[in-house]
Amino acid sequence: MEPLTENSDIVRWLREERANRGLARIELSAALKYQGEIYDDTLLFTAPDGALSFGTLPDAQRTQVQALLRQHHAEETARGNIELTVICDATSAPSIRLTDELQRRRAEQEQAQAEAHFDTRPYGRALAQRVAEILDAGGELTVTIDPREGLLRALWKPDSGTYAHGLRYAEGDSEALATFASRDEFIRWLAERSDEVFAKEDRPEDPLSWGHGTFNRAFFVRKTGQRS
């Protein structure tokens, strides 16, 4: 699909409509949702005195915009919901913004990745030993992943005498993602880990999920009651 510009038919129509009505501004908002099945559009008119009113596109312009959005969706159906905003102001060049869910998610991921800062220092043996002491005493350490589903991330010591890192569920079930046959093996594993490792290991390709429902140094220090 050719990109929309100020010379595109629909943009020219909006500029002419603004001028003919003597408006300070006209804004078109159009969307194609639910896998391209539902389309809607709205016009927002701003009078010179700031008064607002609403309208919709005439049939000819609606058909044109709808065709543009459907073409954009057909080029890559993974784009999901598509939104078009065109603003024509009396004092500036038209503003044109065509976005979709795929594009927005990529932008959110890029921003999350740029803003992500996790401690890369290994926890060390001393802190790992204090965590092991809690498990040896029959305790377990958990952080909430999804409160609605009752899903927790946990460190615990099963009846078999091994050590486990995995998931706990509200109904009492558990799923070990890693098990350690001895205390020393568990301590070595935890000592070599860091906040960054825990934060990214489940979904390394999805920065939006990093650090949610994961263990970190501050948590272990708080639970063991000693400085790391």
Protein backbone atom coordinates (compact mmCIF):
# COMPACT_ATOMS: atom_id res chain seq x y z
CA MET A 1 0.00 0.00 0.00
CA GLU A 2 1.33 3.42 -0.94
CA PRO A 3 1.86 5.63 2.12
CA LEU A 4 -0.70 8.33 2.80
CA THR A 5 0.58 11.86 2.21
CA GLU A 6 -0.92 15.33 2.21
CA ASN A 7 -1.54 14.83 -1.52
CA SER A 8 -3.59 11.63 -1.04
CA ASP A 9 -7.25 11.91 -2.02
CA ILE A 10 -8.69 11.51 1.47
CA VAL A 11 -6.27 14.05 2.95
CA ARG A 12 -7.06 16.56 0.22
CA TRP A 13 -10.77 16.06 0.88
CA LEU A 14 -10.28 16.70 4.60
CA ARG A 15 -8.31 19.87 3.92
CA GLU A 16 -10.98 21.15 1.55
CA GLU A 17 -13.74 20.23 4.01
CA ARG A 18 -12.00 22.14 6.78
CA ALA A 19 -11.60 25.21 4.57
CA ASN A 20 -15.16 25.07 3.21
CA ARG A 21 -16.62 24.84 6.72
CA GLY A 22 -14.35 27.57 8.07
CA LEU A 23 -13.02 25.23 10.76
CA ALA A 24 -9.87 25.61 12.80
CA ARG A 25 -9.29 21.88 12.62
CA ILE A 26 -10.76 18.63 11.36
CA GLU A 27 -9.68 15.21 12.60
CA LEU A 28 -10.45 11.81 11.11
CA SER A 29 -10.25 8.70 13.28
CA ALA A 30 -10.86 5.39 11.51
CA ALA A 31 -10.31 1.81 12.65
CA LEU A 32 -10.48 -1.71 11.27
CA LYS A 33 -10.87 -4.27 14.05
CA TYR A 34 -11.50 -7.94 14.81
CA GLN A 35 -9.43 -9.45 11.99
CA GLY A 36 -10.61 -6.86 9.51
CA GLU A 37 -14.31 -7.53 10.06
CA ILE A 38 -15.50 -4.31 11.73
CA TYR A 39 -14.83 -0.80 10.45
CA ASP A 40 -15.80 2.54 11.96
CA ASP A 41 -14.86 6.18 11.52
CA THR A 42 -15.47 9.50 13.26
CA LEU A 43 -14.86 13.11 12.28
CA LEU A 44 -14.13 15.69 14.96
CA PHE A 45 -14.71 19.31 13.96
CA THR A 46 -13.12 22.21 15.86
CA ALA A 47 -14.62 25.64 15.21
CA PRO A 48 -12.52 28.84 15.43
CA ASP A 49 -14.01 29.52 18.88
CA GLY A 50 -12.99 26.03 20.07
CA ALA A 51 -16.46 24.49 19.93
CA LEU A 52 -16.43 20.78 19.07
CA SER A 53 -18.85 18.72 17.02
CA PHE A 54 -18.81 15.25 15.51
CA GLY A 55 -19.66 13.64 12.21
CA THR A 56 -18.87 10.71 9.93
CA LEU A 57 -17.38 10.40 6.48
CA PRO A 58 -19.63 10.59 3.42
CA ASP A 59 -20.11 7.25 1.67
CA ALA A 60 -17.53 7.88 -1.06
CA GLN A 61 -14.77 8.84 1.38
CA ARG A 62 -15.73 6.06 3.79
CA THR A 63 -15.39 3.50 1.00
CA GLN A 64 -11.98 4.90 0.15
CA VAL A 65 -10.65 4.84 3.72
CA GLN A 66 -12.10 1.41 4.39
CA ALA A 67 -10.39 0.06 1.27
CA LEU A 68 -7.06 1.55 2.39
CA LEU A 69 -7.28 -0.08 5.82
CA ARG A 70 -8.37 -3.43 4.40
CA GLN A 71 -5.45 -3.38 1.98
CA HIS A 72 -3.07 -2.60 4.84
CA HIS A 73 -4.52 -5.51 6.83
CA ALA A 74 -4.38 -7.92 3.88
CA GLU A 75 -0.66 -7.26 3.39
CA GLU A 76 0.01 -8.81 6.82
CA THR A 77 -2.96 -10.16 8.78
CA ALA A 78 -0.83 -10.44 11.94
CA ARG A 79 -1.11 -6.66 12.22
CA GLY A 80 -4.40 -7.05 14.10
CA ASN A 81 -6.44 -3.91 14.74
CA ILE A 82 -5.51 -0.99 12.49
CA GLU A 83 -6.07 2.68 13.31
CA LEU A 84 -5.78 5.75 11.10
CA THR A 85 -5.69 9.32 12.37
CA VAL A 86 -5.49 12.33 10.07
CA ILE A 87 -5.47 15.86 11.50
CA CYS A 88 -5.81 18.88 9.26
CA ASP A 89 -5.15 22.14 11.07
CA ALA A 90 -5.54 25.63 9.67
CA THR A 91 -2.03 26.62 10.75
CA SER A 92 0.09 23.55 10.00
CA ALA A 93 0.67 20.69 7.59
CA PRO A 94 -1.58 17.61 7.90
CA SER A 95 -0.62 15.02 10.52
CA ILE A 96 -1.07 11.43 9.34
CA ARG A 97 -0.68 8.41 11.61
CA LEU A 98 -1.40 4.82 10.54
CA THR A 99 -0.74 2.26 13.28
CA ASP A 100 -1.50 -1.39 13.99
CA GLU A 101 -1.20 -3.79 16.93
CA LEU A 102 1.95 -5.44 15.60
CA GLN A 103 3.65 -2.09 15.13
CA ARG A 104 2.56 -0.86 18.56
CA ARG A 105 3.78 -4.03 20.26
CA ARG A 106 7.16 -3.79 18.55
CA ALA A 107 7.47 -0.19 19.68
CA GLU A 108 6.53 -1.16 23.25
CA GLN A 109 9.08 -3.98 23.21
CA GLU A 110 11.81 -1.66 21.94
CA GLN A 111 11.00 0.86 24.66
CA ALA A 112 10.91 -1.84 27.36
CA GLN A 113 14.26 -3.20 26.19
CA ALA A 114 15.81 0.28 26.22
CA GLU A 115 14.52 0.93 29.74
CA ALA A 116 15.41 -2.51 31.19
CA HIS A 117 18.23 -2.41 33.70
CA PHE A 118 18.83 -5.51 35.83
CA ASP A 119 21.67 -6.27 38.22
CA THR A 120 24.10 -8.63 36.48
CA ARG A 121 26.14 -9.50 39.59
CA PRO A 122 26.00 -13.19 40.58
CA TYR A 123 24.32 -13.68 43.96
CA GLY A 124 27.35 -15.45 45.37
CA ARG A 125 27.68 -18.44 47.64
CA ALA A 126 26.97 -16.66 50.93
CA LEU A 127 23.50 -15.49 49.87
CA ALA A 128 22.74 -18.82 48.20
CA GLN A 129 23.62 -20.67 51.41
CA ARG A 130 21.20 -18.54 53.43
CA VAL A 131 18.44 -19.29 50.93
CA ALA A 132 19.23 -23.02 51.24
CA GLU A 133 18.92 -22.73 55.02
CA ILE A 134 15.33 -21.52 54.65
CA LEU A 135 14.49 -24.49 52.44
CA ASP A 136 16.29 -26.91 54.77
CA ALA A 137 14.10 -25.66 57.62
CA GLY A 138 10.96 -26.59 55.66
CA GLY A 139 10.22 -23.15 54.26
CA GLU A 140 9.72 -22.14 50.66
CA LEU A 141 10.16 -18.89 48.79
CA THR A 142 7.55 -17.66 46.33
CA VAL A 143 6.77 -14.63 44.18
CA THR A 144 3.45 -14.08 42.41
CA ILE A 145 3.36 -14.41 38.64
CA ASP A 146 -0.41 -14.18 38.06
CA PRO A 147 -2.64 -13.42 41.07
CA ARG A 148 -5.83 -14.15 39.11
CA GLU A 149 -4.66 -17.65 38.24
CA GLY A 150 -2.98 -18.21 41.60
CA LEU A 151 0.33 -18.87 39.84
CA LEU A 152 3.56 -18.50 41.81
CA ARG A 153 7.25 -18.91 41.10
CA ALA A 154 8.84 -20.93 43.87
CA LEU A 155 11.93 -22.42 45.44
CA TRP A 156 11.21 -25.38 47.68
CA LYS A 157 12.52 -28.69 48.96
CA PRO A 158 10.33 -31.66 47.94
CA ASP A 159 9.83 -34.68 50.19
CA SER A 160 12.45 -36.52 48.15
CA GLY A 161 15.11 -34.34 49.74
CA THR A 162 16.05 -32.64 46.51
CA TYR A 163 15.79 -28.90 45.86
CA ALA A 164 13.47 -27.45 43.23
CA HIS A 165 12.85 -24.27 41.28
CA GLY A 166 9.55 -24.03 39.45
CA LEU A 167 5.88 -23.12 39.59
CA ARG A 168 3.26 -23.47 42.31
CA TYR A 169 -0.48 -23.37 41.65
CA ALA A 170 -3.34 -22.22 43.87
CA GLU A 171 -4.85 -25.71 43.99
CA GLY A 172 -1.62 -27.01 45.52
CA ASP A 173 0.02 -28.55 42.47
CA SER A 174 3.61 -27.80 41.57
CA GLU A 175 5.77 -28.05 38.48
CA ALA A 176 9.53 -28.25 38.93
CA LEU A 177 11.43 -26.51 36.14
CA ALA A 178 14.79 -27.49 37.61
CA THR A 179 15.76 -29.94 40.36
CA PHE A 180 19.00 -30.33 42.29
CA ALA A 181 20.05 -33.63 43.82
CA SER A 182 22.18 -32.11 46.57
CA ARG A 183 22.42 -29.00 48.70
CA ASP A 184 25.78 -28.10 47.18
CA GLU A 185 24.40 -28.40 43.64
CA PHE A 186 21.53 -26.05 44.50
CA ILE A 187 23.86 -23.53 46.14
CA ARG A 188 26.20 -23.51 43.14
CA TRP A 189 23.25 -22.97 40.78
CA LEU A 190 21.79 -20.08 42.76
CA ALA A 191 25.17 -18.50 43.50
CA GLU A 192 25.89 -18.19 39.78
CA ARG A 193 22.54 -16.58 38.96
CA SER A 194 21.67 -12.88 38.95
CA ASP A 195 18.66 -10.58 38.71
CA GLU A 196 19.18 -10.35 34.94
CA VAL A 197 19.19 -14.15 34.52
CA PHE A 198 15.95 -14.58 36.48
CA ALA A 199 14.31 -11.59 34.77
CA LYS A 200 14.88 -12.77 31.20
CA GLU A 201 15.04 -16.56 31.23
CA ASP A 202 11.34 -17.35 30.62
CA ARG A 203 10.86 -15.09 27.59
CA PRO A 204 14.20 -13.72 26.44
CA GLU A 205 12.60 -12.45 23.22
CA ASP A 206 9.86 -10.44 24.99
CA PRO A 207 11.18 -7.42 26.94
CA LEU A 208 7.64 -6.58 28.08
CA SER A 209 7.66 -9.67 30.32
CA TRP A 210 11.13 -9.22 31.79
CA GLY A 211 11.23 -8.99 35.56
CA HIS A 212 7.56 -9.82 36.15
CA GLY A 213 7.07 -12.50 38.79
CA THR A 214 10.77 -13.31 39.12
CA PHE A 215 13.21 -13.56 42.01
CA ASN A 216 15.80 -10.87 42.60
CA ARG A 217 18.57 -9.97 45.02
CA ALA A 218 16.42 -7.59 47.07
CA PHE A 219 13.85 -10.36 47.60
CA PHE A 220 16.46 -12.86 48.81
CA VAL A 221 18.09 -10.30 51.10
CA ARG A 222 14.72 -9.40 52.61
CA LYS A 223 13.73 -13.03 53.15
CA THR A 224 17.05 -14.09 54.66
CA GLY A 225 17.18 -11.01 56.86
CA GLN A 226 20.82 -10.29 56.06
CA ARG A 227 22.71 -8.11 53.64
CA SER A 228 24.07 -9.76 50.49
